[in-house]
Amino acid sequence: MRVPKRRFPSPSACAACSSAAPPRGGGALLVDWLARTRLPAFPFKPETFFAFPVWIGVGALAAGLAAALLGALVPARRAVRVDPSRIL
């Protein structure tokens, strides 16, 4: 099983970090804490449920930007082709 690389330094390398997890948002910390304290021990239990490779974040941003641009440009190109006097 391949473990994704972390974007943040390990907790031992960062004095400001808690010893449990790399810095993340509050919701992720809560879910990880609940999983660590409430779930039974099972094989291949991940250290965190929120460790994603950087390319996933970059890909999500690129896909969102492409969708926004297409959503704006397609209706604008249609509007350019219509005669204004006909619309009014």
N, C-alpha and C. Protein backbone atom coordinates (compact mmCIF):
# COMPACT_ATOMS: atom_id res chain seq x y z
N MET A 1 0.84 -1.18 0.00
CA MET A 1 0.00 0.00 0.00
C MET A 1 0.88 1.23 0.00
N ARG A 2 0.66 2.13 -0.92
CA ARG A 2 1.46 3.34 -1.05
C ARG A 2 0.87 4.43 -0.17
N VAL A 3 1.70 5.02 0.66
CA VAL A 3 1.26 6.08 1.54
C VAL A 3 1.53 7.42 0.87
N PRO A 4 0.53 8.31 0.76
CA PRO A 4 0.76 9.60 0.11
C PRO A 4 1.74 10.45 0.91
N LYS A 5 2.49 11.28 0.18
CA LYS A 5 3.45 12.17 0.82
C LYS A 5 2.72 13.30 1.52
N ARG A 6 3.29 13.74 2.61
CA ARG A 6 2.70 14.85 3.35
C ARG A 6 3.18 16.18 2.77
N ARG A 7 2.32 17.17 2.84
CA ARG A 7 2.69 18.51 2.43
C ARG A 7 3.39 19.24 3.56
N PHE A 8 3.16 18.82 4.78
CA PHE A 8 3.66 19.52 5.95
C PHE A 8 4.76 18.69 6.59
N PRO A 9 5.62 19.32 7.39
CA PRO A 9 6.66 18.56 8.06
C PRO A 9 6.06 17.59 9.08
N SER A 10 6.82 16.58 9.41
CA SER A 10 6.34 15.63 10.40
C SER A 10 6.23 16.32 11.75
N PRO A 11 5.37 15.81 12.63
CA PRO A 11 5.19 16.46 13.93
C PRO A 11 6.48 16.58 14.72
N SER A 12 7.37 15.60 14.59
CA SER A 12 8.63 15.68 15.34
C SER A 12 9.55 16.77 14.80
N ALA A 13 9.38 17.14 13.53
CA ALA A 13 10.23 18.17 12.94
C ALA A 13 9.71 19.57 13.20
N CYS A 14 8.52 19.70 13.71
CA CYS A 14 7.90 21.01 13.92
C CYS A 14 7.56 21.18 15.39
N ALA A 15 8.25 22.09 16.06
CA ALA A 15 8.04 22.29 17.50
C ALA A 15 6.66 22.86 17.78
N ALA A 16 6.09 23.64 16.87
CA ALA A 16 4.78 24.26 17.08
C ALA A 16 3.63 23.29 16.84
N CYS A 17 3.90 22.17 16.16
CA CYS A 17 2.84 21.20 15.85
C CYS A 17 2.56 20.33 17.06
N SER A 18 1.34 19.82 17.11
CA SER A 18 1.04 18.84 18.15
C SER A 18 1.74 17.54 17.79
N SER A 19 1.89 16.67 18.74
CA SER A 19 2.60 15.42 18.47
C SER A 19 1.72 14.42 17.73
N ALA A 20 0.45 14.73 17.51
CA ALA A 20 -0.47 13.77 16.92
C ALA A 20 -0.59 13.87 15.41
N ALA A 21 -0.52 15.06 14.84
CA ALA A 21 -0.81 15.19 13.41
C ALA A 21 -0.19 16.46 12.86
N PRO A 22 -0.01 16.51 11.52
CA PRO A 22 0.46 17.75 10.91
C PRO A 22 -0.63 18.82 10.97
N PRO A 23 -0.27 20.09 10.80
CA PRO A 23 -1.28 21.15 10.90
C PRO A 23 -2.35 21.04 9.82
N ARG A 24 -3.61 21.06 10.25
CA ARG A 24 -4.75 21.00 9.34
C ARG A 24 -5.87 21.81 9.93
N GLY A 25 -7.00 21.83 9.24
CA GLY A 25 -8.17 22.55 9.73
C GLY A 25 -8.80 21.84 10.92
N GLY A 26 -9.66 22.55 11.63
CA GLY A 26 -10.27 22.03 12.83
C GLY A 26 -11.12 20.80 12.61
N GLY A 27 -11.88 20.76 11.51
CA GLY A 27 -12.72 19.61 11.23
C GLY A 27 -11.91 18.35 10.99
N ALA A 28 -10.82 18.47 10.27
CA ALA A 28 -9.95 17.32 10.01
C ALA A 28 -9.32 16.84 11.30
N LEU A 29 -8.89 17.76 12.14
CA LEU A 29 -8.31 17.37 13.43
C LEU A 29 -9.33 16.63 14.29
N LEU A 30 -10.57 17.10 14.29
CA LEU A 30 -11.63 16.47 15.07
C LEU A 30 -11.90 15.05 14.57
N VAL A 31 -12.03 14.88 13.27
CA VAL A 31 -12.30 13.56 12.71
C VAL A 31 -11.14 12.61 12.99
N ASP A 32 -9.90 13.09 12.82
CA ASP A 32 -8.74 12.25 13.10
C ASP A 32 -8.69 11.86 14.58
N TRP A 33 -8.99 12.79 15.46
CA TRP A 33 -8.98 12.50 16.90
C TRP A 33 -10.05 11.46 17.23
N LEU A 34 -11.25 11.64 16.68
CA LEU A 34 -12.32 10.68 16.93
C LEU A 34 -11.95 9.30 16.40
N ALA A 35 -11.34 9.25 15.23
CA ALA A 35 -10.94 7.96 14.66
C ALA A 35 -9.86 7.32 15.51
N ARG A 36 -8.94 8.12 16.02
CA ARG A 36 -7.85 7.59 16.84
C ARG A 36 -8.35 7.09 18.19
N THR A 37 -9.33 7.77 18.77
CA THR A 37 -9.77 7.41 20.11
C THR A 37 -10.99 6.49 20.13
N ARG A 38 -11.84 6.53 19.13
CA ARG A 38 -13.10 5.77 19.16
C ARG A 38 -13.11 4.52 18.28
N LEU A 39 -12.35 4.51 17.20
CA LEU A 39 -12.34 3.34 16.32
C LEU A 39 -11.46 2.25 16.91
N PRO A 40 -11.87 1.00 16.75
CA PRO A 40 -10.99 -0.09 17.23
C PRO A 40 -9.76 -0.21 16.33
N ALA A 41 -8.75 -0.83 16.87
CA ALA A 41 -7.52 -1.04 16.08
C ALA A 41 -7.83 -2.07 14.99
N PHE A 42 -7.53 -1.74 13.75
CA PHE A 42 -7.72 -2.66 12.64
C PHE A 42 -6.51 -2.57 11.73
N PRO A 43 -6.23 -3.62 10.97
CA PRO A 43 -5.04 -3.61 10.11
C PRO A 43 -5.10 -2.47 9.08
N PHE A 44 -3.97 -1.89 8.83
CA PHE A 44 -3.82 -0.83 7.83
C PHE A 44 -4.63 0.42 8.18
N LYS A 45 -4.83 0.68 9.45
CA LYS A 45 -5.52 1.90 9.88
C LYS A 45 -4.61 3.09 9.54
N PRO A 46 -5.10 4.06 8.77
CA PRO A 46 -4.23 5.17 8.38
C PRO A 46 -3.91 6.08 9.56
N GLU A 47 -2.76 6.75 9.48
CA GLU A 47 -2.39 7.71 10.51
C GLU A 47 -3.35 8.89 10.49
N THR A 48 -3.74 9.29 9.29
CA THR A 48 -4.70 10.37 9.13
C THR A 48 -5.57 10.07 7.92
N PHE A 49 -6.79 10.55 7.95
CA PHE A 49 -7.69 10.36 6.81
C PHE A 49 -7.60 11.53 5.82
N PHE A 50 -6.75 12.51 6.10
CA PHE A 50 -6.72 13.73 5.32
C PHE A 50 -5.34 14.02 4.74
N ALA A 51 -4.56 13.02 4.43
CA ALA A 51 -3.25 13.20 3.81
C ALA A 51 -3.40 12.95 2.31
N PHE A 52 -3.44 14.02 1.53
CA PHE A 52 -3.60 13.91 0.08
C PHE A 52 -2.35 14.46 -0.60
N PRO A 53 -1.99 13.90 -1.75
CA PRO A 53 -0.87 14.45 -2.51
C PRO A 53 -1.20 15.86 -3.01
N VAL A 54 -0.18 16.62 -3.25
CA VAL A 54 -0.35 18.01 -3.68
C VAL A 54 -1.06 18.08 -5.02
N TRP A 55 -0.82 17.12 -5.91
CA TRP A 55 -1.41 17.19 -7.26
C TRP A 55 -2.93 17.14 -7.22
N ILE A 56 -3.50 16.55 -6.18
CA ILE A 56 -4.97 16.51 -6.09
C ILE A 56 -5.52 17.92 -5.86
N GLY A 57 -4.89 18.67 -4.99
CA GLY A 57 -5.32 20.06 -4.75
C GLY A 57 -5.14 20.92 -5.98
N VAL A 58 -4.01 20.77 -6.66
CA VAL A 58 -3.76 21.55 -7.88
C VAL A 58 -4.76 21.17 -8.97
N GLY A 59 -5.03 19.88 -9.10
CA GLY A 59 -6.01 19.42 -10.10
C GLY A 59 -7.41 19.93 -9.81
N ALA A 60 -7.79 19.96 -8.53
CA ALA A 60 -9.11 20.48 -8.17
C ALA A 60 -9.23 21.96 -8.48
N LEU A 61 -8.18 22.71 -8.19
CA LEU A 61 -8.20 24.14 -8.53
C LEU A 61 -8.28 24.36 -10.04
N ALA A 62 -7.52 23.58 -10.79
CA ALA A 62 -7.52 23.72 -12.25
C ALA A 62 -8.90 23.34 -12.82
N ALA A 63 -9.50 22.29 -12.32
CA ALA A 63 -10.82 21.88 -12.81
C ALA A 63 -11.87 22.93 -12.47
N GLY A 64 -11.80 23.51 -11.27
CA GLY A 64 -12.74 24.56 -10.89
C GLY A 64 -12.59 25.79 -11.75
N LEU A 65 -11.34 26.17 -12.03
CA LEU A 65 -11.08 27.33 -12.87
C LEU A 65 -11.59 27.09 -14.30
N ALA A 66 -11.34 25.90 -14.84
CA ALA A 66 -11.81 25.57 -16.19
C ALA A 66 -13.34 25.60 -16.26
N ALA A 67 -14.00 25.05 -15.25
CA ALA A 67 -15.47 25.05 -15.23
C ALA A 67 -16.02 26.47 -15.14
N ALA A 68 -15.39 27.32 -14.33
CA ALA A 68 -15.85 28.70 -14.20
C ALA A 68 -15.66 29.47 -15.51
N LEU A 69 -14.52 29.29 -16.15
CA LEU A 69 -14.27 29.98 -17.42
C LEU A 69 -15.23 29.52 -18.50
N LEU A 70 -15.45 28.21 -18.61
CA LEU A 70 -16.39 27.72 -19.62
C LEU A 70 -17.81 28.18 -19.32
N GLY A 71 -18.17 28.21 -18.06
CA GLY A 71 -19.51 28.65 -17.68
C GLY A 71 -19.75 30.12 -17.96
N ALA A 72 -18.69 30.91 -18.02
CA ALA A 72 -18.82 32.34 -18.31
C ALA A 72 -18.66 32.63 -19.80
N LEU A 73 -17.74 31.95 -20.45
CA LEU A 73 -17.43 32.26 -21.85
C LEU A 73 -18.48 31.76 -22.84
N VAL A 74 -19.05 30.60 -22.60
CA VAL A 74 -20.02 30.05 -23.56
C VAL A 74 -21.25 30.95 -23.68
N PRO A 75 -21.90 31.38 -22.60
CA PRO A 75 -23.04 32.29 -22.76
C PRO A 75 -22.63 33.66 -23.29
N ALA A 76 -21.43 34.12 -22.95
CA ALA A 76 -20.97 35.42 -23.45
C ALA A 76 -20.75 35.37 -24.96
N ARG A 77 -20.24 34.28 -25.48
CA ARG A 77 -20.05 34.17 -26.94
C ARG A 77 -21.40 34.14 -27.66
N ARG A 78 -22.38 33.51 -27.06
CA ARG A 78 -23.72 33.52 -27.66
C ARG A 78 -24.30 34.93 -27.67
N ALA A 79 -24.11 35.66 -26.58
CA ALA A 79 -24.65 37.01 -26.48
C ALA A 79 -24.00 37.96 -27.47
N VAL A 80 -22.74 37.74 -27.79
CA VAL A 80 -22.04 38.59 -28.76
C VAL A 80 -22.63 38.43 -30.15
N ARG A 81 -23.11 37.27 -30.49
CA ARG A 81 -23.63 37.00 -31.83
C ARG A 81 -25.04 37.55 -32.07
N VAL A 82 -25.74 37.92 -31.00
CA VAL A 82 -27.12 38.38 -31.12
C VAL A 82 -27.12 39.89 -31.38
N ASP A 83 -28.00 40.34 -32.28
CA ASP A 83 -28.14 41.75 -32.59
C ASP A 83 -28.83 42.47 -31.41
N PRO A 84 -28.20 43.54 -30.85
CA PRO A 84 -28.80 44.24 -29.69
C PRO A 84 -30.20 44.81 -29.99
N SER A 85 -30.44 45.33 -31.20
CA SER A 85 -31.73 45.91 -31.50
C SER A 85 -32.83 44.83 -31.52
N ARG A 86 -32.46 43.65 -31.86
CA ARG A 86 -33.43 42.56 -31.87
C ARG A 86 -33.85 42.17 -30.44
N ILE A 87 -32.92 42.25 -29.52
CA ILE A 87 -33.19 41.91 -28.12
C ILE A 87 -34.07 43.00 -27.49
N LEU A 88 -33.77 44.24 -27.76
CA LEU A 88 -34.53 45.35 -27.18
C LEU A 88 -35.88 45.46 -27.85
